[in-house]
């Protein structure tokens, strides 16, 4: 998709809670322990600007590469390590290393806030994991089906390539008992699609299902067979 220099995670943005997710920038971890942040020229950024994107608040110039303390504004998106329930949060995301770096924590959790529509996504460009967590995309379009509103945690999903999808060439449908509930979200869809196209067995199960009519948060655990 995009050439990366060093280890990078993408910053995505939506104009609405249920709109298309655009890949607008990348946060790069350099080998010397420093970070840089830059916007990614191209179709996604151009389309995002047309629907209101004007940059991340801490980095307003879309043409500048930021290197001074580039990760600091994003650390504010992470839960404070001093929180009494921090270990529970790590457990929720299946993170065993309590000393995990801020960069890795952003890569795994996405650094999402309820006050904006930004989210980090790890493209798995350096090392493709055998297992990772990802939020389901597009459930809002299937939420009226009552059978799909009470899926138990641990339920196995079916994955099906959506060849010819005009929004994502790597689109992967997620189905429950034959009914579509959404898609693997962009970027992570490439990881899953390429493994499926190789003939690999890829499992998807519900890690957490939180649907209450206002917030639809469905977390999937993806496992790729060795």
C-alpha atoms as a PDB file:
ATOM      1  CA  UNK A   1       0.000   0.000   0.000  1.00  0.00           C
ATOM      2  CA  UNK A   2       2.515   2.587   1.205  1.00  0.00           C
ATOM      3  CA  UNK A   3       6.292   2.375   1.454  1.00  0.00           C
ATOM      4  CA  UNK A   4       7.428   2.559   5.053  1.00  0.00           C
ATOM      5  CA  UNK A   5      10.810   3.662   6.381  1.00  0.00           C
ATOM      6  CA  UNK A   6      11.480   2.033   9.733  1.00  0.00           C
ATOM      7  CA  UNK A   7       8.723   0.566  11.824  1.00  0.00           C
ATOM      8  CA  UNK A   8       5.496   2.474  11.378  1.00  0.00           C
ATOM      9  CA  UNK A   9       1.868   2.515  12.386  1.00  0.00           C
ATOM     10  CA  UNK A  10      -0.813   4.315  10.422  1.00  0.00           C
ATOM     11  CA  UNK A  11      -3.049   7.043  11.767  1.00  0.00           C
ATOM     12  CA  UNK A  12      -6.574   6.703  10.409  1.00  0.00           C
ATOM     13  CA  UNK A  13      -9.474   9.158  10.531  1.00  0.00           C
ATOM     14  CA  UNK A  14     -13.236   9.064   9.930  1.00  0.00           C
ATOM     15  CA  UNK A  15     -15.455  12.043   9.208  1.00  0.00           C
ATOM     16  CA  UNK A  16     -18.266  10.398  11.212  1.00  0.00           C
ATOM     17  CA  UNK A  17     -18.513   7.495  13.626  1.00  0.00           C
ATOM     18  CA  UNK A  18     -19.611   5.178  10.810  1.00  0.00           C
ATOM     19  CA  UNK A  19     -17.960   6.752   7.785  1.00  0.00           C
ATOM     20  CA  UNK A  20     -15.123   5.486   5.629  1.00  0.00           C
ATOM     21  CA  UNK A  21     -11.817   5.210   7.461  1.00  0.00           C
ATOM     22  CA  UNK A  22      -8.988   7.076   5.726  1.00  0.00           C
ATOM     23  CA  UNK A  23      -5.292   6.368   6.215  1.00  0.00           C
ATOM     24  CA  UNK A  24      -3.956   9.900   6.577  1.00  0.00           C
ATOM     25  CA  UNK A  25      -0.571   9.703   8.321  1.00  0.00           C
ATOM     26  CA  UNK A  26       2.075   7.495   9.878  1.00  0.00           C
ATOM     27  CA  UNK A  27       4.025   7.512  13.109  1.00  0.00           C
ATOM     28  CA  UNK A  28       7.475   6.011  12.565  1.00  0.00           C
ATOM     29  CA  UNK A  29       9.766   4.524  15.185  1.00  0.00           C
ATOM     30  CA  UNK A  30      13.384   5.089  14.158  1.00  0.00           C
ATOM     31  CA  UNK A  31      16.218   2.708  15.011  1.00  0.00           C
ATOM     32  CA  UNK A  32      17.743   5.344  17.318  1.00  0.00           C
ATOM     33  CA  UNK A  33      14.642   5.405  19.514  1.00  0.00           C
ATOM     34  CA  UNK A  34      13.338   8.632  18.031  1.00  0.00           C
ATOM     35  CA  UNK A  35      10.005   9.120  16.274  1.00  0.00           C
ATOM     36  CA  UNK A  36       8.695  11.101  13.364  1.00  0.00           C
ATOM     37  CA  UNK A  37       5.173  11.875  12.231  1.00  0.00           C
ATOM     38  CA  UNK A  38       4.116  12.726   8.704  1.00  0.00           C
ATOM     39  CA  UNK A  39       1.040  12.813   6.537  1.00  0.00           C
ATOM     40  CA  UNK A  40       0.841  10.390   3.612  1.00  0.00           C
ATOM     41  CA  UNK A  41       0.151  12.073   0.269  1.00  0.00           C
ATOM     42  CA  UNK A  42      -2.278  10.228  -1.944  1.00  0.00           C
ATOM     43  CA  UNK A  43      -5.880   9.254  -2.536  1.00  0.00           C
ATOM     44  CA  UNK A  44      -6.861   8.712   1.114  1.00  0.00           C
ATOM     45  CA  UNK A  45      -5.539  12.066   2.289  1.00  0.00           C
ATOM     46  CA  UNK A  46      -7.074  13.886  -0.675  1.00  0.00           C
ATOM     47  CA  UNK A  47     -10.488  12.305  -0.062  1.00  0.00           C
ATOM     48  CA  UNK A  48     -10.277  12.958   3.681  1.00  0.00           C
ATOM     49  CA  UNK A  49      -9.617  16.652   3.088  1.00  0.00           C
ATOM     50  CA  UNK A  50     -12.702  16.843   0.889  1.00  0.00           C
ATOM     51  CA  UNK A  51     -14.885  15.663   3.784  1.00  0.00           C
ATOM     52  CA  UNK A  52     -13.373  17.913   6.425  1.00  0.00           C
ATOM     53  CA  UNK A  53      -9.990  16.550   7.507  1.00  0.00           C
ATOM     54  CA  UNK A  54      -7.566  19.358   8.355  1.00  0.00           C
ATOM     55  CA  UNK A  55      -4.861  17.524  10.280  1.00  0.00           C
ATOM     56  CA  UNK A  56      -4.210  16.204  13.751  1.00  0.00           C
ATOM     57  CA  UNK A  57      -4.477  19.129  16.204  1.00  0.00           C
ATOM     58  CA  UNK A  58      -0.862  18.893  17.399  1.00  0.00           C
ATOM     59  CA  UNK A  59       0.463  18.705  13.823  1.00  0.00           C
ATOM     60  CA  UNK A  60      -1.476  21.206  11.687  1.00  0.00           C
ATOM     61  CA  UNK A  61       0.856  21.434   8.668  1.00  0.00           C
ATOM     62  CA  UNK A  62       0.012  18.607   6.278  1.00  0.00           C
ATOM     63  CA  UNK A  63       3.258  19.102   4.326  1.00  0.00           C
ATOM     64  CA  UNK A  64       5.672  18.996   7.263  1.00  0.00           C
ATOM     65  CA  UNK A  65       7.531  16.032   8.740  1.00  0.00           C
ATOM     66  CA  UNK A  66       7.538  16.337  12.523  1.00  0.00           C
ATOM     67  CA  UNK A  67      10.469  14.888  14.452  1.00  0.00           C
ATOM     68  CA  UNK A  68      10.636  16.751  17.768  1.00  0.00           C
ATOM     69  CA  UNK A  69       8.766  14.800  20.464  1.00  0.00           C
ATOM     70  CA  UNK A  70       6.550  13.374  17.729  1.00  0.00           C
ATOM     71  CA  UNK A  71       5.041  10.620  19.875  1.00  0.00           C
ATOM     72  CA  UNK A  72       4.201  12.818  22.860  1.00  0.00           C
ATOM     73  CA  UNK A  73       0.762  14.098  21.728  1.00  0.00           C
ATOM     74  CA  UNK A  74      -0.345  10.526  21.073  1.00  0.00           C
ATOM     75  CA  UNK A  75       0.751   9.210  24.472  1.00  0.00           C
ATOM     76  CA  UNK A  76      -2.110  11.307  25.842  1.00  0.00           C
ATOM     77  CA  UNK A  77      -4.444   8.910  24.035  1.00  0.00           C
ATOM     78  CA  UNK A  78      -3.270   5.997  26.171  1.00  0.00           C
ATOM     79  CA  UNK A  79      -4.567   5.026  29.620  1.00  0.00           C
ATOM     80  CA  UNK A  80      -2.347   6.309  32.419  1.00  0.00           C
ATOM     81  CA  UNK A  81      -0.005   3.620  33.701  1.00  0.00           C
ATOM     82  CA  UNK A  82      -0.782   4.816  37.235  1.00  0.00           C
ATOM     83  CA  UNK A  83      -4.415   3.703  36.912  1.00  0.00           C
ATOM     84  CA  UNK A  84      -5.468   1.056  39.404  1.00  0.00           C
ATOM     85  CA  UNK A  85      -6.972  -0.994  36.589  1.00  0.00           C
ATOM     86  CA  UNK A  86      -4.025  -0.679  34.179  1.00  0.00           C
ATOM     87  CA  UNK A  87      -3.160  -4.367  34.538  1.00  0.00           C
ATOM     88  CA  UNK A  88      -6.775  -5.237  33.691  1.00  0.00           C
ATOM     89  CA  UNK A  89      -6.530  -3.138  30.546  1.00  0.00           C
ATOM     90  CA  UNK A  90      -3.372  -4.977  29.539  1.00  0.00           C
ATOM     91  CA  UNK A  91      -5.143  -8.257  30.158  1.00  0.00           C
ATOM     92  CA  UNK A  92      -8.101  -7.174  28.011  1.00  0.00           C
ATOM     93  CA  UNK A  93      -5.719  -6.569  25.106  1.00  0.00           C
ATOM     94  CA  UNK A  94      -3.820  -9.786  25.950  1.00  0.00           C
ATOM     95  CA  UNK A  95      -0.602  -7.879  26.613  1.00  0.00           C
ATOM     96  CA  UNK A  96       1.743  -9.829  28.876  1.00  0.00           C
ATOM     97  CA  UNK A  97       4.576  -7.300  29.106  1.00  0.00           C
ATOM     98  CA  UNK A  98       3.669  -4.625  31.662  1.00  0.00           C
ATOM     99  CA  UNK A  99       6.648  -2.556  30.469  1.00  0.00           C
ATOM    100  CA  UNK A 100       5.341  -2.356  26.927  1.00  0.00           C
ATOM    101  CA  UNK A 101       6.434   0.779  25.090  1.00  0.00           C
ATOM    102  CA  UNK A 102       4.009   3.584  24.317  1.00  0.00           C
ATOM    103  CA  UNK A 103       4.523   2.948  20.601  1.00  0.00           C
ATOM    104  CA  UNK A 104       3.606  -0.735  20.933  1.00  0.00           C
ATOM    105  CA  UNK A 105       0.633   0.144  23.114  1.00  0.00           C
ATOM    106  CA  UNK A 106      -0.650   2.508  20.429  1.00  0.00           C
ATOM    107  CA  UNK A 107      -0.105  -0.195  17.801  1.00  0.00           C
ATOM    108  CA  UNK A 108      -2.106  -2.803  19.714  1.00  0.00           C
ATOM    109  CA  UNK A 109      -4.924  -0.717  21.192  1.00  0.00           C
ATOM    110  CA  UNK A 110      -5.281   1.902  18.461  1.00  0.00           C
ATOM    111  CA  UNK A 111      -5.222   4.749  20.979  1.00  0.00           C
ATOM    112  CA  UNK A 112      -8.905   5.444  20.403  1.00  0.00           C
ATOM    113  CA  UNK A 113     -10.786   8.184  22.239  1.00  0.00           C
ATOM    114  CA  UNK A 114     -14.530   8.794  22.316  1.00  0.00           C
ATOM    115  CA  UNK A 115     -13.931  12.493  21.692  1.00  0.00           C
ATOM    116  CA  UNK A 116     -12.590  12.176  18.132  1.00  0.00           C
ATOM    117  CA  UNK A 117     -12.423   9.815  15.153  1.00  0.00           C
ATOM    118  CA  UNK A 118      -8.707   9.020  15.064  1.00  0.00           C
ATOM    119  CA  UNK A 119      -7.276   5.533  15.460  1.00  0.00           C
ATOM    120  CA  UNK A 120      -3.861   3.945  14.944  1.00  0.00           C
ATOM    121  CA  UNK A 121      -3.637   0.729  12.923  1.00  0.00           C
ATOM    122  CA  UNK A 122      -0.593  -1.534  12.785  1.00  0.00           C
ATOM    123  CA  UNK A 123       0.035  -2.659   9.168  1.00  0.00           C
ATOM    124  CA  UNK A 124       2.183  -5.586  10.363  1.00  0.00           C
ATOM    125  CA  UNK A 125       4.777  -4.518   7.804  1.00  0.00           C
ATOM    126  CA  UNK A 126       7.850  -5.522   9.819  1.00  0.00           C
ATOM    127  CA  UNK A 127       6.589  -8.764  11.330  1.00  0.00           C
ATOM    128  CA  UNK A 128       3.246 -10.429  10.709  1.00  0.00           C
ATOM    129  CA  UNK A 129       1.857 -11.845  13.969  1.00  0.00           C
ATOM    130  CA  UNK A 130       0.169 -15.232  14.262  1.00  0.00           C
ATOM    131  CA  UNK A 131      -2.464 -13.649  16.474  1.00  0.00           C
ATOM    132  CA  UNK A 132      -3.800 -10.125  16.926  1.00  0.00           C
ATOM    133  CA  UNK A 133      -6.903  -8.206  18.003  1.00  0.00           C
ATOM    134  CA  UNK A 134      -8.873  -5.940  15.706  1.00  0.00           C
ATOM    135  CA  UNK A 135     -12.182  -4.104  15.888  1.00  0.00           C
ATOM    136  CA  UNK A 136     -14.944  -5.142  13.519  1.00  0.00           C
ATOM    137  CA  UNK A 137     -15.890  -2.572  10.875  1.00  0.00           C
ATOM    138  CA  UNK A 138     -19.356  -1.958   9.466  1.00  0.00           C
ATOM    139  CA  UNK A 139     -21.552  -3.600  12.090  1.00  0.00           C
ATOM    140  CA  UNK A 140     -23.858  -0.571  12.067  1.00  0.00           C
ATOM    141  CA  UNK A 141     -25.200  -1.715   8.685  1.00  0.00           C
ATOM    142  CA  UNK A 142     -26.326  -5.048  10.166  1.00  0.00           C
ATOM    143  CA  UNK A 143     -27.332  -3.940  13.668  1.00  0.00           C
ATOM    144  CA  UNK A 144     -31.080  -4.172  13.092  1.00  0.00           C
ATOM    145  CA  UNK A 145     -30.888  -7.970  12.918  1.00  0.00           C
ATOM    146  CA  UNK A 146     -31.681  -9.013  16.501  1.00  0.00           C
ATOM    147  CA  UNK A 147     -29.890 -12.333  16.096  1.00  0.00           C
ATOM    148  CA  UNK A 148     -26.673 -10.413  15.491  1.00  0.00           C
ATOM    149  CA  UNK A 149     -27.027  -8.169  18.548  1.00  0.00           C
ATOM    150  CA  UNK A 150     -26.323 -10.840  21.157  1.00  0.00           C
ATOM    151  CA  UNK A 151     -23.350 -12.830  19.917  1.00  0.00           C
ATOM    152  CA  UNK A 152     -21.549 -14.492  22.865  1.00  0.00           C
ATOM    153  CA  UNK A 153     -17.852 -13.902  23.480  1.00  0.00           C
ATOM    154  CA  UNK A 154     -15.827 -16.800  22.145  1.00  0.00           C
ATOM    155  CA  UNK A 155     -18.147 -17.379  19.183  1.00  0.00           C
ATOM    156  CA  UNK A 156     -16.371 -18.418  16.006  1.00  0.00           C
ATOM    157  CA  UNK A 157     -16.872 -16.259  12.925  1.00  0.00           C
ATOM    158  CA  UNK A 158     -16.530 -17.199   9.288  1.00  0.00           C
ATOM    159  CA  UNK A 159     -14.241 -15.189   7.016  1.00  0.00           C
ATOM    160  CA  UNK A 160     -14.926 -14.722   3.323  1.00  0.00           C
ATOM    161  CA  UNK A 161     -12.961 -12.717   0.764  1.00  0.00           C
ATOM    162  CA  UNK A 162     -14.980  -9.986  -0.940  1.00  0.00           C
ATOM    163  CA  UNK A 163     -13.247  -9.930  -4.303  1.00  0.00           C
ATOM    164  CA  UNK A 164     -14.050  -6.822  -6.322  1.00  0.00           C
ATOM    165  CA  UNK A 165     -14.936  -4.624  -3.356  1.00  0.00           C
ATOM    166  CA  UNK A 166     -14.501  -1.069  -4.653  1.00  0.00           C
ATOM    167  CA  UNK A 167     -13.473   0.380  -1.299  1.00  0.00           C
ATOM    168  CA  UNK A 168     -10.835  -2.168  -0.297  1.00  0.00           C
ATOM    169  CA  UNK A 169      -9.100  -4.655  -2.635  1.00  0.00           C
ATOM    170  CA  UNK A 170      -8.297  -6.759   0.444  1.00  0.00           C
ATOM    171  CA  UNK A 171     -11.854  -6.729   1.802  1.00  0.00           C
ATOM    172  CA  UNK A 172     -12.781  -9.673   4.042  1.00  0.00           C
ATOM    173  CA  UNK A 173     -16.368 -10.275   5.163  1.00  0.00           C
ATOM    174  CA  UNK A 174     -17.057 -11.453   8.718  1.00  0.00           C
ATOM    175  CA  UNK A 175     -20.070 -13.759   9.075  1.00  0.00           C
ATOM    176  CA  UNK A 176     -21.888 -15.347  12.008  1.00  0.00           C
ATOM    177  CA  UNK A 177     -23.921 -18.451  11.196  1.00  0.00           C
ATOM    178  CA  UNK A 178     -23.864 -17.435   7.554  1.00  0.00           C
ATOM    179  CA  UNK A 179     -25.005 -13.841   8.154  1.00  0.00           C
ATOM    180  CA  UNK A 180     -22.636 -10.979   7.525  1.00  0.00           C
ATOM    181  CA  UNK A 181     -21.948  -8.808  10.571  1.00  0.00           C
ATOM    182  CA  UNK A 182     -19.277  -6.575   9.044  1.00  0.00           C
ATOM    183  CA  UNK A 183     -15.743  -6.541   7.691  1.00  0.00           C
ATOM    184  CA  UNK A 184     -12.185  -6.853   8.891  1.00  0.00           C
ATOM    185  CA  UNK A 185     -11.176  -3.198   9.067  1.00  0.00           C
ATOM    186  CA  UNK A 186      -8.875  -1.674   6.469  1.00  0.00           C
ATOM    187  CA  UNK A 187      -5.139  -2.360   6.732  1.00  0.00           C
ATOM    188  CA  UNK A 188      -5.740  -5.390   8.949  1.00  0.00           C
ATOM    189  CA  UNK A 189      -7.827  -6.710   6.065  1.00  0.00           C
ATOM    190  CA  UNK A 190      -4.643  -6.943   3.987  1.00  0.00           C
ATOM    191  CA  UNK A 191      -3.009  -9.167   6.600  1.00  0.00           C
ATOM    192  CA  UNK A 192      -6.021 -11.495   6.691  1.00  0.00           C
ATOM    193  CA  UNK A 193      -6.692 -11.469   2.934  1.00  0.00           C
ATOM    194  CA  UNK A 194      -3.124 -12.315   1.981  1.00  0.00           C
ATOM    195  CA  UNK A 195      -3.077 -15.256   4.378  1.00  0.00           C
ATOM    196  CA  UNK A 196      -6.446 -16.496   3.100  1.00  0.00           C
ATOM    197  CA  UNK A 197      -5.234 -16.153  -0.483  1.00  0.00           C
ATOM    198  CA  UNK A 198      -2.229 -18.335   0.395  1.00  0.00           C
ATOM    199  CA  UNK A 199      -4.641 -21.018   1.540  1.00  0.00           C
ATOM    200  CA  UNK A 200      -3.814 -20.501   5.196  1.00  0.00           C
ATOM    201  CA  UNK A 201      -6.424 -21.238   7.839  1.00  0.00           C
ATOM    202  CA  UNK A 202      -7.404 -18.011   9.579  1.00  0.00           C
ATOM    203  CA  UNK A 203      -9.718 -18.112  12.606  1.00  0.00           C
ATOM    204  CA  UNK A 204     -11.765 -15.217  13.937  1.00  0.00           C
ATOM    205  CA  UNK A 205     -13.600 -15.258  17.244  1.00  0.00           C
ATOM    206  CA  UNK A 206     -15.440 -12.682  19.291  1.00  0.00           C
ATOM    207  CA  UNK A 207     -13.180 -11.337  22.037  1.00  0.00           C
ATOM    208  CA  UNK A 208     -15.642  -8.697  23.258  1.00  0.00           C
ATOM    209  CA  UNK A 209     -19.146  -7.777  22.099  1.00  0.00           C
ATOM    210  CA  UNK A 210     -20.497  -4.441  23.332  1.00  0.00           C
ATOM    211  CA  UNK A 211     -23.591  -3.352  21.425  1.00  0.00           C
ATOM    212  CA  UNK A 212     -26.059  -1.102  23.222  1.00  0.00           C
ATOM    213  CA  UNK A 213     -27.612   0.980  20.473  1.00  0.00           C
ATOM    214  CA  UNK A 214     -25.237   3.891  21.021  1.00  0.00           C
ATOM    215  CA  UNK A 215     -21.796   2.320  21.094  1.00  0.00           C
ATOM    216  CA  UNK A 216     -21.044  -0.639  18.852  1.00  0.00           C
ATOM    217  CA  UNK A 217     -17.676  -2.056  19.864  1.00  0.00           C
ATOM    218  CA  UNK A 218     -16.895  -5.548  18.666  1.00  0.00           C
ATOM    219  CA  UNK A 219     -13.385  -6.870  19.176  1.00  0.00           C
ATOM    220  CA  UNK A 220     -12.180  -9.844  17.171  1.00  0.00           C
ATOM    221  CA  UNK A 221      -9.273 -12.166  17.889  1.00  0.00           C
ATOM    222  CA  UNK A 222      -7.587 -13.231  14.666  1.00  0.00           C
ATOM    223  CA  UNK A 223      -5.436 -16.370  14.666  1.00  0.00           C
ATOM    224  CA  UNK A 224      -3.365 -17.385  11.646  1.00  0.00           C
ATOM    225  CA  UNK A 225      -2.372 -21.053  11.460  1.00  0.00           C
ATOM    226  CA  UNK A 226       1.358 -21.787  11.520  1.00  0.00           C
END
